[in-house]
Protein backbone atom coordinates (compact mmCIF):
# COMPACT_ATOMS: atom_id res chain seq x y z
CA MET A 1 -1.76 15.77 19.67
CA ASN A 2 -2.78 12.37 20.73
CA GLU A 3 -3.52 9.47 18.43
CA VAL A 4 -7.20 9.87 18.31
CA GLU A 5 -6.84 13.59 17.45
CA PHE A 6 -4.18 12.71 14.77
CA ASP A 7 -6.31 9.81 13.20
CA GLN A 8 -9.35 12.50 13.03
CA LEU A 9 -6.91 15.02 11.28
CA LEU A 10 -5.98 12.39 8.79
CA ALA A 11 -9.54 11.50 8.12
CA ASP A 12 -10.70 15.11 7.78
CA CYS A 13 -7.91 16.08 5.58
CA SER A 14 -8.14 12.93 3.12
CA ALA A 15 -11.96 13.62 2.98
CA THR A 16 -11.27 17.34 1.93
CA LEU A 17 -8.27 16.21 -0.49
CA LYS A 18 -11.17 13.73 -2.13
CA THR A 19 -13.39 16.69 -2.74
CA LYS A 20 -10.67 18.92 -3.99
CA GLN A 21 -9.58 16.18 -6.43
CA ALA A 22 -13.06 15.61 -7.72
CA ARG A 23 -13.22 19.41 -8.33
CA LEU A 24 -10.08 19.49 -10.15
CA GLU A 25 -11.08 16.75 -12.25
CA SER A 26 -14.43 18.40 -13.18
CA HIS A 27 -12.72 21.75 -14.04
CA PHE A 28 -9.56 20.59 -15.60
CA GLY A 29 -10.00 16.83 -16.48
CA LEU A 30 -6.33 16.07 -15.56
CA SER A 31 -6.88 12.29 -15.68
CA GLY A 32 -7.50 12.65 -19.40
CA MET A 33 -4.52 14.78 -20.24
CA ARG A 34 -2.13 12.81 -22.48
CA ARG A 35 1.07 13.69 -20.68
CA TRP A 36 2.53 16.05 -18.22
CA PHE A 37 5.82 17.85 -17.53
CA PHE A 38 7.28 18.84 -14.03
CA ASP A 39 9.39 22.04 -14.71
CA HIS A 40 11.73 22.33 -11.90
CA HIS A 41 12.98 25.69 -12.66
CA ARG A 42 9.49 27.30 -12.87
CA GLY A 43 8.13 25.31 -9.92
CA ALA A 44 5.29 24.38 -12.04
CA ILE A 45 3.54 21.22 -13.67
CA ASP A 46 2.20 21.42 -17.28
CA PHE A 47 -0.47 19.29 -18.47
CA PHE A 48 -0.89 18.44 -22.29
CA ALA A 49 -3.65 17.22 -24.53
CA ALA A 50 -3.47 14.27 -27.10
CA ASP A 51 -2.61 16.90 -29.80
CA GLY A 52 0.29 18.01 -27.67
CA SER A 53 -1.20 21.38 -26.70
CA ARG A 54 -0.50 22.60 -23.47
CA LYS A 55 -3.93 22.76 -21.60
CA VAL A 56 -3.22 23.92 -18.21
CA SER A 57 -0.27 24.63 -15.78
CA PHE A 58 -0.03 24.83 -11.91
CA ALA A 59 2.28 26.48 -9.57
CA VAL A 60 3.32 23.44 -7.16
CA THR A 61 4.92 22.66 -3.88
CA PRO A 62 6.63 19.29 -3.91
CA ILE A 63 5.31 17.20 -1.06
CA GLY A 64 7.50 13.99 -1.03
CA THR A 65 8.19 10.97 -3.01
CA TYR A 66 6.58 7.41 -2.54
CA SER A 67 8.62 4.41 -3.67
CA SER A 68 6.35 1.41 -4.15
CA GLY A 69 9.56 -1.08 -4.76
CA GLN A 70 10.66 -0.13 -1.20
CA ASP A 71 7.43 0.80 0.56
CA SER A 72 9.08 4.20 1.58
CA TRP A 73 8.26 7.90 1.65
CA LYS A 74 10.71 10.68 1.47
CA TRP A 75 9.79 14.26 2.19
CA ALA A 76 10.49 16.74 -0.79
CA TRP A 77 12.46 19.04 1.44
CA ALA A 78 15.06 16.13 2.08
CA ASN A 79 15.17 15.27 -1.55
CA GLY A 80 18.46 15.86 -3.13
CA HIS A 81 17.12 15.29 -6.48
CA LEU A 82 15.06 18.39 -6.30
CA GLU A 83 16.75 21.79 -6.87
CA GLN A 84 17.28 23.72 -3.68
CA PRO A 85 14.56 26.50 -4.33
CA LEU A 86 11.79 23.69 -4.51
CA ARG A 87 13.37 21.81 -1.15
CA ASP A 88 13.23 25.27 0.48
CA LYS A 89 9.53 25.83 -0.55
CA ALA A 90 8.76 22.21 0.69
CA ALA A 91 10.34 22.72 3.79
CA VAL A 92 7.02 24.13 5.18
CA PHE A 93 6.00 20.76 5.66
CA LYS A 94 8.19 20.46 8.68
CA GLU A 95 5.92 22.54 10.57
CA LEU A 96 3.37 19.63 10.70
CA ALA A 97 5.86 17.99 13.40
CA GLU A 98 5.08 20.66 15.81
CA ARG A 99 1.48 21.01 14.90
CA THR A 100 0.98 17.17 15.29
CA ASP A 101 3.65 16.29 17.76
CA TYR A 102 4.83 13.47 15.20
CA ASP A 103 8.27 13.38 14.45
CA LEU A 104 7.95 11.64 11.02
CA PHE A 105 7.13 14.98 9.35
CA ALA A 106 10.80 16.14 10.32
CA GLU A 107 12.37 12.97 9.36
CA ALA A 108 15.02 13.47 6.50
CA GLU A 109 15.60 9.75 5.85
CA PRO A 110 12.97 7.63 4.15
CA ILE A 111 10.44 6.28 6.34
CA GLN A 112 8.41 3.01 5.81
CA ALA A 113 4.83 3.87 4.15
CA ASP A 114 2.35 2.13 1.95
CA ALA A 115 0.58 3.76 -0.85
CA GLY A 116 -2.30 4.58 1.45
CA MET A 117 -0.15 6.37 3.76
CA ALA A 118 1.40 8.40 0.93
CA TRP A 119 -1.93 9.81 0.09
CA GLU A 120 -2.73 10.51 3.77
CA LEU A 121 0.68 12.56 4.04
CA ALA A 122 -0.14 14.24 0.94
CA ALA A 123 -3.57 15.17 2.12
CA LEU A 124 -2.13 16.42 5.23
CA ALA A 125 0.42 18.55 3.42
CA VAL A 126 -2.32 19.87 0.84
CA ALA A 127 -4.35 20.96 3.95
CA HIS A 128 -1.40 22.57 5.66
CA ILE A 129 -0.77 25.10 2.64
CA ASP A 130 -4.34 25.07 1.64
CA ALA A 131 -3.36 23.83 -1.85
CA ILE A 132 -6.19 23.26 -4.40
CA GLY A 133 -5.36 19.63 -4.89
CA CYS A 134 -2.71 17.27 -5.58
CA TYR A 135 -0.96 15.50 -8.37
CA ARG A 136 0.77 12.05 -8.16
CA ALA A 137 3.27 11.98 -10.98
CA PRO A 138 4.29 8.50 -11.59
CA ASN A 139 8.04 7.65 -12.75
CA ARG A 140 8.53 3.91 -12.69
CA GLU A 141 8.36 2.49 -9.19
CA THR A 142 8.32 6.14 -7.76
CA TRP A 143 5.57 8.55 -7.30
CA LEU A 144 6.20 12.32 -6.85
CA PHE A 145 3.36 14.04 -4.86
CA LEU A 146 2.97 17.53 -5.87
CA ALA A 147 0.56 20.29 -4.02
CA LEU A 148 -1.15 22.12 -6.80
CA GLU A 149 -1.55 25.80 -5.91
CA GLN A 150 -3.33 27.73 -8.57
CA PRO A 151 -3.51 27.51 -12.49
CA LEU A 152 -0.71 29.68 -13.90
CA LEU A 153 -1.76 32.29 -16.61
CA ASP A 154 0.53 32.51 -19.71
């Protein structure tokens, strides 16, 4: 894939993610949730209302983490802080290296990135697995990007 094709892919995936995010917001109102909890064991994220009740849960595939303090991105499959089953699930994003001919998708070490690039990488990942959207889970200077797959039923 040449640079022009890659830029078009980024633009297309980013536009699609924007639409998916708007749909998620209209259906679930995630921005209005009081708190969230990423359950590493279940591979899910739960969202809670102000009264403490759980409103919705999604199965997730972790995409990667963005550090605003270091302006860097690290793929979830290379993140030793995540449990092995989640890293294994996230390994699907290595396929983007072959699809795009860009090695950054197979780079285990952190790469230089700004917040915009982090969202672009997340958009590509969401499109790659046809997820319904993405959640950027903040934790101090680090954002964990999670591909939201489907709402879970209790």
